[in-house]
Amino acid sequence: MAKLPKARYSAEFKIQAVKMAVDNGLGVTETARRLSISDKTLANWVARYRTDKAGFQNESVLSAEESELSRLRRENAQLRMERDILKKAAAYFAKESL
């Protein structure tokens, strides 16, 4: 049986799902079924929300900054690789012209 890729959920989705489960009184199982996510995943989010409400809701700010940093690091690595290729190509063609 093939393993499914790990699903990624935005911080806004997590907050809305937790509020639906906690505030609306639907419960974890019913909310998870309606959103088509694992009830264990939603239960973990609810537990984290109940222990640290402020940290859970500020997660979107951190994840936005972290995603920007990750994107910039990937771009930096790509640019370094291109630079190195161009250096090697320039050296190769300089040898041939001599």
Protein backbone atom coordinates (compact mmCIF):
# COMPACT_ATOMS: atom_id res chain seq x y z
CA MET A 1 0.00 0.00 0.00
CA ALA A 2 1.43 3.38 -1.01
CA LYS A 3 1.99 5.97 1.66
CA LEU A 4 0.09 9.21 1.16
CA PRO A 5 2.03 12.48 1.26
CA LYS A 6 1.81 14.50 4.45
CA ALA A 7 -0.90 17.14 4.18
CA ARG A 8 -0.02 20.75 4.93
CA TYR A 9 -2.64 23.07 6.35
CA SER A 10 -2.44 26.83 6.62
CA ALA A 11 -2.53 28.47 10.03
CA GLU A 12 -5.83 30.15 9.15
CA PHE A 13 -7.39 26.78 8.33
CA LYS A 14 -6.17 25.34 11.63
CA ILE A 15 -7.59 28.25 13.62
CA GLN A 16 -10.95 28.06 11.88
CA ALA A 17 -11.13 24.29 12.36
CA VAL A 18 -10.34 24.55 16.06
CA LYS A 19 -12.86 27.32 16.59
CA MET A 20 -15.48 25.27 14.76
CA ALA A 21 -14.81 22.32 17.04
CA VAL A 22 -14.55 24.27 20.30
CA ASP A 23 -16.83 27.28 19.95
CA ASN A 24 -19.62 25.84 17.82
CA GLY A 25 -19.84 22.72 19.97
CA LEU A 26 -19.63 20.30 17.05
CA GLY A 27 -16.92 18.25 18.65
CA VAL A 28 -13.65 17.03 17.22
CA THR A 29 -14.97 13.98 15.40
CA GLU A 30 -17.85 15.75 13.66
CA THR A 31 -15.71 18.76 12.69
CA ALA A 32 -12.96 16.51 11.33
CA ARG A 33 -15.51 14.57 9.29
CA ARG A 34 -16.98 17.78 7.84
CA LEU A 35 -13.55 19.13 6.93
CA SER A 36 -12.28 15.77 5.62
CA ILE A 37 -9.26 15.69 7.90
CA SER A 38 -8.07 13.17 10.45
CA ASP A 39 -9.77 13.43 13.82
CA LYS A 40 -6.42 12.78 15.52
CA THR A 41 -4.91 15.78 13.69
CA LEU A 42 -7.75 18.03 14.77
CA ALA A 43 -7.55 16.68 18.32
CA ASN A 44 -3.85 17.62 18.42
CA TRP A 45 -4.67 21.15 17.21
CA VAL A 46 -7.42 21.52 19.84
CA ALA A 47 -5.10 20.32 22.61
CA ARG A 48 -2.41 22.78 21.53
CA TYR A 49 -5.03 25.55 21.33
CA ARG A 50 -6.27 24.83 24.85
CA THR A 51 -2.77 24.87 26.34
CA ASP A 52 -1.51 27.99 24.53
CA LYS A 53 -4.24 30.05 22.83
CA ALA A 54 -2.04 33.09 22.12
CA GLY A 55 0.79 31.01 20.69
CA PHE A 56 -1.56 28.96 18.55
CA GLN A 57 -3.18 32.04 17.03
CA ASN A 58 0.16 33.80 16.42
CA GLU A 59 1.42 30.77 14.53
CA SER A 60 0.34 32.31 11.22
CA VAL A 61 2.74 35.23 11.69
CA LEU A 62 5.65 32.92 12.37
CA SER A 63 4.78 30.57 9.55
CA ALA A 64 4.60 33.47 7.07
CA GLU A 65 8.04 34.66 8.14
CA GLU A 66 9.41 31.13 8.10
CA SER A 67 8.00 30.44 4.65
CA GLU A 68 9.53 33.67 3.30
CA LEU A 69 12.89 32.73 4.83
CA SER A 70 12.65 29.25 3.32
CA ARG A 71 11.82 30.68 -0.10
CA LEU A 72 14.75 33.09 0.06
CA ARG A 73 17.14 30.31 1.08
CA ARG A 74 16.01 28.16 -1.87
CA GLU A 75 16.43 31.10 -4.22
CA ASN A 76 19.89 31.85 -2.80
CA ALA A 77 20.98 28.24 -3.31
CA GLN A 78 19.70 28.30 -6.88
CA LEU A 79 21.57 31.53 -7.65
CA ARG A 80 24.81 30.18 -6.16
CA MET A 81 24.53 27.05 -8.28
CA GLU A 82 23.98 29.11 -11.43
CA ARG A 83 26.94 31.34 -10.55
CA ASP A 84 29.21 28.32 -10.10
CA ILE A 85 28.12 26.86 -13.43
CA LEU A 86 28.85 30.15 -15.18
CA LYS A 87 32.30 30.33 -13.57
CA LYS A 88 33.14 26.84 -14.79
CA ALA A 89 31.84 27.58 -18.28
CA ALA A 90 33.86 30.78 -18.48
CA ALA A 91 37.03 28.94 -17.39
CA TYR A 92 36.39 26.17 -19.94
CA PHE A 93 35.94 28.58 -22.84
CA ALA A 94 38.94 30.65 -21.74
CA LYS A 95 41.11 27.50 -21.96
CA GLU A 96 39.91 26.73 -25.47
CA SER A 97 40.66 30.22 -26.75
CA LEU A 98 44.33 29.94 -25.74
